N, C-alpha and C. Protein backbone atom coordinates (compact mmCIF):
# COMPACT_ATOMS: atom_id res chain seq x y z
N MET A 1 80.92 72.80 161.03
CA MET A 1 81.64 72.34 159.86
C MET A 1 83.14 72.34 160.14
N GLY A 2 83.80 71.31 159.69
CA GLY A 2 85.23 71.20 159.90
C GLY A 2 86.01 71.98 158.86
N LEU A 3 87.29 72.10 159.07
CA LEU A 3 88.17 72.80 158.14
C LEU A 3 88.13 72.17 156.76
N GLN A 4 88.06 70.87 156.69
CA GLN A 4 88.03 70.15 155.41
C GLN A 4 86.87 70.62 154.53
N GLU A 5 85.72 70.91 155.13
CA GLU A 5 84.55 71.29 154.36
C GLU A 5 84.65 72.69 153.77
N HIS A 6 85.48 73.55 154.35
CA HIS A 6 85.57 74.93 153.91
C HIS A 6 86.65 75.17 152.86
N ARG A 7 87.66 74.35 152.81
CA ARG A 7 88.76 74.64 151.90
C ARG A 7 88.41 74.26 150.47
N GLU A 8 88.93 75.02 149.55
CA GLU A 8 88.75 74.72 148.14
C GLU A 8 89.74 73.63 147.76
N THR A 9 89.29 72.66 147.02
CA THR A 9 90.16 71.57 146.60
C THR A 9 90.72 71.90 145.22
N ARG A 10 92.01 71.74 145.09
CA ARG A 10 92.69 72.00 143.83
C ARG A 10 92.41 70.88 142.84
N SER A 11 92.29 71.22 141.58
CA SER A 11 92.10 70.24 140.53
C SER A 11 93.46 69.99 139.87
N TYR A 12 93.79 68.72 139.67
CA TYR A 12 95.08 68.34 139.12
C TYR A 12 94.91 67.65 137.77
N ALA A 13 95.89 67.83 136.91
CA ALA A 13 95.98 67.04 135.68
C ALA A 13 96.51 65.66 136.06
N GLY A 14 96.25 64.67 135.22
CA GLY A 14 96.65 63.30 135.51
C GLY A 14 98.13 63.12 135.76
N ASP A 15 98.97 63.75 134.93
CA ASP A 15 100.42 63.58 135.12
C ASP A 15 100.90 64.25 136.40
N GLU A 16 100.25 65.35 136.79
CA GLU A 16 100.62 66.01 138.04
C GLU A 16 100.20 65.18 139.25
N LEU A 17 99.01 64.58 139.18
CA LEU A 17 98.56 63.68 140.25
C LEU A 17 99.54 62.52 140.41
N ASP A 18 99.93 61.94 139.30
CA ASP A 18 100.87 60.82 139.36
C ASP A 18 102.20 61.26 139.97
N ARG A 19 102.69 62.42 139.57
CA ARG A 19 103.96 62.93 140.09
C ARG A 19 103.91 63.13 141.61
N LEU A 20 102.78 63.62 142.11
CA LEU A 20 102.62 63.85 143.54
C LEU A 20 102.41 62.55 144.32
N CYS A 21 101.68 61.62 143.74
CA CYS A 21 101.28 60.42 144.46
C CYS A 21 102.24 59.24 144.30
N HIS A 22 103.00 59.20 143.24
CA HIS A 22 103.85 58.03 142.98
C HIS A 22 104.88 57.78 144.08
N PRO A 23 105.54 58.80 144.64
CA PRO A 23 106.47 58.52 145.75
C PRO A 23 105.77 57.87 146.95
N ILE A 24 104.54 58.27 147.21
CA ILE A 24 103.77 57.66 148.30
C ILE A 24 103.45 56.21 147.95
N PHE A 25 103.07 55.98 146.69
CA PHE A 25 102.79 54.62 146.25
C PHE A 25 104.02 53.72 146.41
N GLU A 26 105.19 54.20 146.01
CA GLU A 26 106.40 53.39 146.11
C GLU A 26 106.66 52.94 147.55
N LYS A 27 106.47 53.85 148.49
CA LYS A 27 106.65 53.51 149.90
C LYS A 27 105.59 52.49 150.33
N LEU A 28 104.35 52.71 149.94
CA LEU A 28 103.28 51.78 150.31
C LEU A 28 103.49 50.41 149.69
N TYR A 29 103.96 50.38 148.45
CA TYR A 29 104.19 49.11 147.78
C TYR A 29 105.25 48.30 148.53
N SER A 30 106.29 48.96 148.99
CA SER A 30 107.32 48.22 149.73
C SER A 30 106.79 47.72 151.07
N GLU A 31 105.84 48.44 151.66
CA GLU A 31 105.27 48.04 152.96
C GLU A 31 104.09 47.08 152.83
N LEU A 32 103.26 47.26 151.81
CA LEU A 32 101.99 46.52 151.71
C LEU A 32 101.90 45.55 150.53
N GLY A 33 102.84 45.66 149.60
CA GLY A 33 102.74 44.92 148.35
C GLY A 33 102.57 43.42 148.48
N GLU A 34 103.29 42.80 149.38
CA GLU A 34 103.18 41.34 149.54
C GLU A 34 101.84 40.94 150.15
N ARG A 35 101.43 41.65 151.17
CA ARG A 35 100.20 41.30 151.88
C ARG A 35 98.95 41.61 151.05
N TYR A 36 98.98 42.71 150.30
CA TYR A 36 97.80 43.17 149.55
C TYR A 36 98.05 43.14 148.05
N ARG A 37 98.78 42.15 147.61
CA ARG A 37 99.11 42.02 146.19
C ARG A 37 97.86 42.10 145.32
N ASP A 38 97.90 42.98 144.32
CA ASP A 38 96.84 43.22 143.33
C ASP A 38 95.62 43.97 143.89
N TRP A 39 95.66 44.42 145.12
CA TRP A 39 94.62 45.30 145.63
C TRP A 39 94.86 46.69 145.04
N ILE A 40 93.90 47.59 145.21
CA ILE A 40 94.01 48.94 144.70
C ILE A 40 94.24 49.90 145.87
N VAL A 41 95.15 50.85 145.67
CA VAL A 41 95.38 51.89 146.66
C VAL A 41 95.09 53.23 145.99
N ALA A 42 94.24 54.05 146.62
CA ALA A 42 93.94 55.41 146.15
C ALA A 42 94.62 56.38 147.10
N ILE A 43 95.30 57.36 146.54
CA ILE A 43 96.06 58.32 147.33
C ILE A 43 95.51 59.72 147.11
N GLU A 44 95.31 60.45 148.20
CA GLU A 44 94.89 61.85 148.15
C GLU A 44 96.17 62.68 148.15
N PRO A 45 96.40 63.50 147.11
CA PRO A 45 97.70 64.14 146.93
C PRO A 45 98.05 65.21 147.96
N GLU A 46 97.10 65.92 148.50
CA GLU A 46 97.41 67.02 149.42
C GLU A 46 97.76 66.53 150.82
N THR A 47 97.17 65.43 151.25
CA THR A 47 97.40 64.94 152.61
C THR A 47 98.28 63.69 152.66
N GLY A 48 98.34 62.96 151.54
CA GLY A 48 99.05 61.69 151.54
C GLY A 48 98.21 60.56 152.11
N ASP A 49 96.96 60.85 152.49
CA ASP A 49 96.08 59.78 152.98
C ASP A 49 95.88 58.76 151.88
N TYR A 50 95.79 57.49 152.27
CA TYR A 50 95.57 56.44 151.27
C TYR A 50 94.50 55.49 151.76
N PHE A 51 93.90 54.81 150.80
CA PHE A 51 92.79 53.90 151.05
C PHE A 51 92.99 52.68 150.17
N ILE A 52 92.85 51.48 150.75
CA ILE A 52 93.05 50.27 149.95
C ILE A 52 91.76 49.45 149.92
N GLY A 53 91.60 48.70 148.84
CA GLY A 53 90.44 47.84 148.68
C GLY A 53 90.62 46.95 147.47
N LEU A 54 89.65 46.10 147.25
CA LEU A 54 89.73 45.13 146.15
C LEU A 54 89.30 45.70 144.80
N ASP A 55 88.51 46.79 144.80
CA ASP A 55 88.09 47.39 143.53
C ASP A 55 87.96 48.90 143.67
N ASP A 56 87.85 49.58 142.50
CA ASP A 56 87.78 51.04 142.47
C ASP A 56 86.61 51.58 143.30
N TYR A 57 85.46 50.94 143.17
CA TYR A 57 84.27 51.41 143.87
C TYR A 57 84.47 51.40 145.38
N GLU A 58 84.98 50.31 145.90
CA GLU A 58 85.22 50.18 147.34
C GLU A 58 86.21 51.24 147.83
N VAL A 59 87.30 51.41 147.10
CA VAL A 59 88.33 52.36 147.49
C VAL A 59 87.80 53.79 147.42
N LEU A 60 87.11 54.14 146.35
CA LEU A 60 86.60 55.50 146.20
C LEU A 60 85.54 55.81 147.25
N ASN A 61 84.72 54.85 147.59
CA ASN A 61 83.72 55.04 148.63
C ASN A 61 84.39 55.38 149.96
N ARG A 62 85.41 54.66 150.33
CA ARG A 62 86.14 54.94 151.58
C ARG A 62 86.82 56.31 151.53
N ALA A 63 87.45 56.60 150.40
CA ALA A 63 88.18 57.86 150.26
C ALA A 63 87.23 59.06 150.33
N ARG A 64 86.08 58.96 149.68
CA ARG A 64 85.10 60.06 149.66
C ARG A 64 84.54 60.37 151.05
N LYS A 65 84.47 59.37 151.91
CA LYS A 65 83.98 59.62 153.27
C LYS A 65 84.89 60.59 154.01
N LYS A 66 86.18 60.50 153.78
CA LYS A 66 87.13 61.37 154.48
C LYS A 66 87.42 62.65 153.69
N HIS A 67 87.47 62.54 152.38
CA HIS A 67 87.81 63.68 151.52
C HIS A 67 86.77 63.81 150.40
N PRO A 68 85.59 64.33 150.71
CA PRO A 68 84.50 64.35 149.73
C PRO A 68 84.75 65.18 148.48
N ARG A 69 85.66 66.14 148.52
CA ARG A 69 85.87 67.02 147.37
C ARG A 69 87.20 66.78 146.64
N SER A 70 87.94 65.79 147.04
CA SER A 70 89.28 65.58 146.50
C SER A 70 89.30 64.70 145.26
N GLN A 71 90.39 64.81 144.52
CA GLN A 71 90.73 63.87 143.47
C GLN A 71 91.69 62.86 144.09
N PHE A 72 91.72 61.67 143.55
CA PHE A 72 92.62 60.62 144.03
C PHE A 72 93.31 60.00 142.85
N PHE A 73 94.51 59.51 143.08
CA PHE A 73 95.20 58.74 142.06
C PHE A 73 95.31 57.33 142.59
N ALA A 74 94.94 56.36 141.77
CA ALA A 74 94.90 54.97 142.21
C ALA A 74 95.94 54.14 141.46
N TYR A 75 96.49 53.19 142.19
CA TYR A 75 97.48 52.25 141.66
C TYR A 75 97.09 50.86 142.10
N ARG A 76 97.40 49.88 141.29
CA ARG A 76 97.27 48.49 141.71
C ARG A 76 98.58 48.10 142.38
N LEU A 77 98.50 47.46 143.54
CA LEU A 77 99.69 47.06 144.28
C LEU A 77 100.32 45.83 143.60
N SER A 78 101.09 46.11 142.57
CA SER A 78 101.79 45.05 141.83
C SER A 78 103.06 45.64 141.24
N GLU A 79 103.90 44.78 140.70
CA GLU A 79 105.16 45.23 140.13
C GLU A 79 104.95 46.16 138.95
N ASN A 80 103.91 45.93 138.18
CA ASN A 80 103.56 46.76 137.03
C ASN A 80 102.17 47.35 137.26
N PRO A 81 102.09 48.38 138.10
CA PRO A 81 100.77 48.86 138.51
C PRO A 81 100.00 49.54 137.39
N ALA A 82 98.73 49.17 137.27
CA ALA A 82 97.82 49.93 136.44
C ALA A 82 97.47 51.17 137.24
N VAL A 83 97.29 52.30 136.57
CA VAL A 83 97.01 53.54 137.29
C VAL A 83 95.74 54.19 136.74
N ASP A 84 95.12 55.02 137.58
CA ASP A 84 93.89 55.67 137.18
C ASP A 84 93.61 56.86 138.08
N ILE A 85 92.94 57.85 137.55
CA ILE A 85 92.47 58.98 138.34
C ILE A 85 91.07 58.64 138.83
N LEU A 86 90.84 58.81 140.11
CA LEU A 86 89.50 58.62 140.68
C LEU A 86 89.02 59.99 141.14
N CYS A 87 87.91 60.41 140.60
CA CYS A 87 87.38 61.74 140.96
C CYS A 87 86.18 61.63 141.86
């Protein structure tokens, strides 16, 4: 078993997840926004790992493979991003 499987994952409130993940989103938006306009990016707050896809299901499936116990905060790569917690 790897280290990831043994550690306890912290649970975050929505506003705390957004506070931790939004700076990462801003950087990603400036780098990926034009190419992946309106795609969804899910961010894992403890590692900064991110996953992009066309819908929530696709993104969460990819994210869960690497971080099975984590919460993620998702943003749409657009000027006015819709946001959501993915558990």
